Protein backbone atom coordinates (compact mmCIF):
# COMPACT_ATOMS: atom_id res chain seq x y z
CA MET A 1 112.43 122.94 63.31
CA ARG A 2 112.68 119.32 64.46
CA THR A 3 110.04 116.76 63.46
CA ILE A 4 108.68 114.01 65.72
CA ASP A 5 106.16 111.39 64.63
CA VAL A 6 103.49 110.96 67.30
CA ALA A 7 103.79 107.18 66.84
CA ASP A 8 107.07 107.47 68.77
CA ILE A 9 105.19 109.16 71.59
CA THR A 10 102.64 106.34 71.66
CA ALA A 11 105.43 103.78 71.94
CA LYS A 12 107.10 105.63 74.83
CA ILE A 13 103.87 106.10 76.76
CA ARG A 14 103.05 102.40 76.35
CA GLU A 15 106.44 101.45 77.75
CA MET A 16 106.23 103.87 80.69
CA ALA A 17 102.74 102.65 81.63
CA ILE A 18 103.91 99.05 81.86
CA GLU A 19 107.32 99.56 83.43
CA SER A 20 106.20 102.03 86.09
CA ASN A 21 103.52 99.61 87.27
CA TYR A 22 105.95 96.69 87.45
CA ASN A 23 108.91 98.60 88.88
CA VAL A 24 108.27 101.05 91.69
CA ASP A 25 110.71 103.95 91.91
CA SER A 26 113.99 102.41 93.09
CA ASP A 27 114.86 105.47 95.19
CA TYR A 28 111.59 105.04 97.07
CA VAL A 29 112.35 101.38 97.79
CA GLU A 30 115.86 102.32 98.98
CA ARG A 31 114.37 104.83 101.41
CA LEU A 32 111.92 102.22 102.67
CA GLU A 33 114.84 99.85 103.25
CA ALA A 34 116.73 102.55 105.13
CA ALA A 35 113.68 103.33 107.26
CA LYS A 36 113.73 99.82 108.69
CA ALA A 37 116.76 100.64 110.82
CA HIS A 38 114.86 103.46 112.54
CA GLU A 39 111.34 102.01 112.76
CA SER A 40 110.42 101.67 116.44
CA SER A 41 107.25 99.63 115.96
CA PRO A 42 107.64 95.84 115.47
CA LEU A 43 104.43 95.80 113.45
CA GLY A 44 105.60 98.81 111.44
CA LEU A 45 108.87 97.01 110.67
CA ARG A 46 106.98 93.91 109.60
CA ILE A 47 104.87 96.00 107.23
CA LEU A 48 107.94 97.69 105.74
CA ASN A 49 109.44 94.24 105.10
CA GLN A 50 106.25 93.15 103.34
CA ILE A 51 106.18 96.29 101.20
CA THR A 52 109.79 95.91 100.02
CA GLU A 53 109.30 92.18 99.43
CA ASN A 54 106.26 93.00 97.31
CA ALA A 55 108.32 95.47 95.27
CA ALA A 56 110.98 92.84 94.59
CA LEU A 57 108.38 90.22 93.60
CA ALA A 58 106.54 92.60 91.28
CA SER A 59 109.74 93.45 89.42
CA ALA A 60 110.97 89.85 89.24
CA GLU A 61 107.63 88.34 88.22
CA ARG A 62 106.68 91.22 85.89
CA VAL A 63 103.34 91.83 87.60
CA PRO A 64 101.76 95.03 88.93
CA TYR A 65 103.08 96.27 92.26
CA CYS A 66 99.51 97.16 93.32
CA GLN A 67 96.10 95.99 92.14
CA ASP A 68 95.16 99.65 91.69
CA THR A 69 97.19 100.43 88.59
CA GLY A 70 96.16 104.05 88.81
CA LEU A 71 94.76 106.94 86.86
CA SER A 72 97.25 107.88 84.13
CA ILE A 73 98.70 111.36 84.63
CA VAL A 74 100.89 112.83 81.87
CA PHE A 75 102.82 116.09 81.81
CA ALA A 76 103.93 116.82 78.24
CA ASN A 77 106.61 119.50 77.84
CA VAL A 78 106.59 120.36 74.13
CA GLY A 79 109.47 122.36 72.70
CA GLN A 80 108.34 125.34 70.66
CA GLU A 81 110.75 124.31 67.91
CA VAL A 82 109.14 120.87 67.48
CA ARG A 83 106.71 119.93 64.73
CA LEU A 84 104.55 116.90 65.49
CA THR A 85 103.42 114.77 62.57
CA GLY A 86 101.23 111.73 62.08
CA GLY A 87 98.20 112.78 64.07
CA SER A 88 97.03 114.33 67.31
CA LEU A 89 99.36 114.46 70.32
CA GLU A 90 96.47 113.81 72.70
CA ASP A 91 95.29 110.82 70.68
CA ALA A 92 98.86 109.49 70.59
CA ILE A 93 99.19 109.71 74.38
CA ASN A 94 95.88 107.98 74.96
CA GLU A 95 96.75 105.26 72.46
CA GLY A 96 99.94 104.63 74.41
CA ILE A 97 97.91 104.29 77.60
CA ARG A 98 95.48 101.96 75.85
CA GLN A 99 98.26 99.72 74.53
CA GLY A 100 100.21 99.74 77.79
CA TYR A 101 97.29 98.78 79.98
CA ARG A 102 96.17 96.12 77.51
CA ASP A 103 99.60 94.57 76.87
CA GLY A 104 100.71 94.86 80.50
CA TYR A 105 97.49 93.29 81.80
CA LEU A 106 96.89 96.33 83.96
CA ARG A 107 93.51 97.09 85.48
CA GLY A 108 91.27 99.57 83.69
CA SER A 109 90.11 101.96 86.42
CA VAL A 110 88.64 104.88 84.47
CA VAL A 111 84.92 105.57 84.09
CA ASN A 112 83.61 107.68 81.23
CA ASP A 113 81.72 110.13 83.41
CA PRO A 114 81.77 110.90 87.15
CA LEU A 115 78.00 110.35 87.36
CA ARG A 116 77.18 107.67 84.76
CA ARG A 117 80.34 105.70 85.71
CA VAL A 118 80.68 103.31 82.78
CA ASN A 119 84.19 101.80 82.69
CA THR A 120 86.16 102.69 79.55
CA LYS A 121 87.99 99.34 79.99
CA ASP A 122 91.39 100.58 78.76
CA ASN A 123 92.23 103.23 81.40
CA THR A 124 91.75 106.08 78.97
CA PRO A 125 91.55 108.97 78.83
CA ALA A 126 94.65 110.12 80.68
CA VAL A 127 94.77 113.41 82.57
CA ILE A 128 97.19 115.44 80.44
CA HIS A 129 98.91 118.73 81.20
CA TYR A 130 100.64 120.48 78.28
CA ARG A 131 103.40 123.05 78.56
CA VAL A 132 105.15 124.82 75.71
CA VAL A 133 108.84 125.17 76.55
CA PRO A 134 111.96 126.42 74.73
CA GLY A 135 113.90 123.98 72.55
CA ASP A 136 113.32 121.16 70.08
CA ARG A 137 112.55 118.29 72.45
CA VAL A 138 109.41 116.70 73.86
CA THR A 139 109.67 115.46 77.45
CA LEU A 140 106.96 113.16 78.76
CA TYR A 141 106.33 112.56 82.46
CA PHE A 142 104.04 109.67 83.36
CA ALA A 143 102.46 108.71 86.68
CA ALA A 144 100.09 105.90 87.60
CA LYS A 145 98.26 107.62 90.47
CA GLY A 146 96.36 105.33 92.82
CA THR A 147 93.03 106.56 94.11
CA GLY A 148 93.58 105.66 97.76
CA SER A 149 96.16 108.43 98.06
CA GLU A 150 94.51 110.78 95.56
CA ASN A 151 91.29 110.62 97.61
CA MET A 152 93.27 111.92 100.59
CA SER A 153 94.48 115.00 98.68
CA ILE A 154 93.03 118.38 99.64
CA ALA A 155 93.08 122.06 98.70
CA ARG A 156 92.57 124.92 101.14
CA MET A 157 92.61 128.71 101.04
CA LEU A 158 94.55 129.85 104.10
CA LYS A 159 94.81 133.44 105.27
CA PRO A 160 98.13 135.20 104.72
CA SER A 161 98.29 135.69 108.50
CA ASP A 162 98.33 131.89 108.93
CA GLY A 163 101.86 131.98 107.51
CA ARG A 164 104.40 129.23 107.90
CA GLU A 165 102.84 127.88 111.10
CA GLY A 166 99.46 127.61 109.42
CA VAL A 167 100.97 125.65 106.52
CA VAL A 168 102.68 123.19 108.87
CA ARG A 169 99.57 122.80 111.02
CA THR A 170 97.36 122.17 107.97
CA VAL A 171 99.64 119.42 106.68
CA ILE A 172 100.13 117.71 110.05
CA ASP A 173 96.43 117.76 110.90
CA HIS A 174 95.53 116.36 107.51
CA VAL A 175 98.08 113.54 107.62
CA PHE A 176 96.90 112.56 111.11
CA GLU A 177 93.22 112.60 110.08
CA SER A 178 93.98 110.57 106.93
CA GLY A 179 95.59 107.81 108.99
CA GLY A 180 96.12 104.63 107.01
CA ASN A 181 93.80 105.55 104.13
CA PRO A 182 96.57 106.69 101.71
CA CYS A 183 98.67 103.54 102.42
CA PRO A 184 101.70 105.08 104.15
CA PRO A 185 104.64 105.50 104.09
CA ILE A 186 103.57 108.39 101.90
CA LEU A 187 105.20 111.07 99.77
CA LEU A 188 103.73 114.55 100.16
CA GLY A 189 103.55 116.92 97.20
CA ILE A 190 102.59 120.39 98.40
CA GLY A 191 101.69 123.38 96.25
CA LEU A 192 101.79 126.83 97.83
CA GLY A 193 100.59 129.98 96.12
CA GLY A 194 99.06 130.92 92.82
CA SER A 195 95.31 130.32 92.72
CA ILE A 196 93.42 127.28 93.93
CA GLU A 197 93.92 125.41 90.64
CA LYS A 198 97.56 126.47 90.32
CA ALA A 199 98.33 125.17 93.82
CA ALA A 200 96.80 121.82 92.86
CA LEU A 201 98.78 121.64 89.64
CA ILE A 202 102.17 122.42 91.17
CA ALA A 203 101.47 120.02 94.05
CA LYS A 204 101.01 117.20 91.52
CA TRP A 205 104.05 118.36 89.54
CA SER A 206 106.22 118.30 92.67
CA LEU A 207 105.80 114.52 92.84
CA PHE A 208 107.93 114.24 89.68
CA ARG A 209 110.93 115.84 91.38
CA PRO A 210 113.74 113.34 92.08
CA LEU A 211 112.83 111.78 95.40
CA GLY A 212 113.98 113.75 98.40
CA ARG A 213 115.80 116.44 96.39
CA PRO A 214 115.29 119.60 98.46
CA SER A 215 113.84 122.77 97.01
CA PRO A 216 116.51 125.11 95.60
CA ASP A 217 115.00 127.81 97.81
CA PRO A 218 116.64 127.44 101.27
CA LEU A 219 113.51 128.75 103.04
CA VAL A 220 111.31 126.17 101.30
CA ALA A 221 113.88 123.40 101.80
CA GLU A 222 113.84 124.07 105.53
CA LEU A 223 110.04 123.94 105.53
CA GLU A 224 110.16 120.59 103.71
CA LYS A 225 112.46 119.17 106.37
CA ASP A 226 110.40 120.50 109.26
CA ILE A 227 107.17 119.08 107.84
CA LEU A 228 108.79 115.70 107.20
CA ASP A 229 110.06 115.51 110.79
CA ALA A 230 106.69 116.57 112.19
CA VAL A 231 104.73 114.12 110.05
CA ASN A 232 106.93 111.25 111.20
CA ARG A 233 106.19 112.23 114.81
CA THR A 234 102.44 111.81 114.33
CA GLY A 235 102.71 108.07 115.02
CA VAL A 236 100.55 107.13 112.03
CA GLY A 237 103.24 104.74 110.82
CA PRO A 238 103.31 102.17 108.00
CA MET A 239 99.80 101.49 106.68
CA GLY A 240 98.44 103.53 109.60
CA MET A 241 99.29 100.80 112.09
CA GLY A 242 101.63 102.91 114.23
CA GLY A 243 105.30 103.72 114.08
CA ASN A 244 107.62 106.52 113.05
CA THR A 245 107.80 105.86 109.29
CA THR A 246 104.78 107.78 108.05
CA CYS A 247 106.35 109.85 105.27
CA ILE A 248 109.38 109.26 103.05
CA ALA A 249 109.78 112.78 101.62
CA VAL A 250 108.10 116.16 101.33
CA HIS A 251 108.29 118.12 98.07
CA ILE A 252 107.04 121.71 98.02
CA GLU A 253 106.58 123.91 94.96
CA THR A 254 105.65 127.58 95.27
CA TYR A 255 104.18 130.23 92.97
CA PRO A 256 103.45 133.96 93.41
CA CYS A 257 99.99 134.72 94.76
CA HIS A 258 97.57 137.53 95.60
CA ILE A 259 98.28 139.66 98.68
CA GLY A 260 95.05 138.44 100.25
CA ALA A 261 95.52 134.71 99.79
CA LEU A 262 97.65 131.73 100.79
CA PRO A 263 96.46 128.77 98.69
CA ILE A 264 97.71 125.32 99.65
CA CYS A 265 97.17 121.95 98.03
CA ILE A 266 98.40 118.69 99.54
CA ASN A 267 98.73 115.91 96.98
CA VAL A 268 99.32 112.63 98.79
CA GLU A 269 101.24 109.77 97.17
CA CYS A 270 101.10 106.23 98.55
CA HIS A 271 104.10 103.91 98.80
CA ALA A 272 103.37 102.82 95.21
CA HIS A 273 105.37 105.72 93.77
CA ARG A 274 105.03 104.96 90.05
CA HIS A 275 106.63 107.62 87.89
CA ALA A 276 108.59 107.62 84.65
CA GLU A 277 110.18 110.23 82.38
CA VAL A 278 111.45 110.17 78.81
CA GLU A 279 112.78 112.75 76.36
CA LEU A 280 112.31 112.53 72.60
């Protein structure tokens, strides 16, 4: 049995909150740079240049990449051979968020209740998903999820007869209707199967996959590619201003489901792809 003091978890969460807001995923920026060579719209190209320049300035000046520093999402994979000491894991995670958003001068965007809407002023509490896994390690995944893209996320219950074509059509229609609202170029996390809440959870989890890494399932990998190509033919373009760079990557996760259902969740990520991972 391995022992971990939750103070170490607080320290790591604090660091991830700050660094992910200052330094957007480098793979995402590289893909934006590569997209410039293929962007047909002069305005779209200009926007891509502004986005990548903003990323460089944020990193160099140690300031947030976007004024919306996001809702804190944490996936905590806890090894079943780990003993946590020093307090509550949930309290430790939220203390890390509190310290990170305070010390990094990051905007507090969380309200204490969806109806009363009083700002908690320190971006807590985080949305935390716990999983017990084999081993004696704790792996923490952190995302600062902006609300412009999160507001464009949807869940649907398709019919099994809708099949592959129905999945593609649902995604394409939704991206086109969303237009510039999620601040494209976007990343699409898609959950297929399970129940309605499971589809939403695996859609969010798919955003933590290394950018552009195809699904290990060849059938799903082909679907990812086809959706990406189709989305980039919608003409939505950078920031919804037209062009052929609407989406950078499509990540799909699947789960077994009932014979009578085909759940789908589309979790949309804006070009501020702010994710971090650490293992203790």
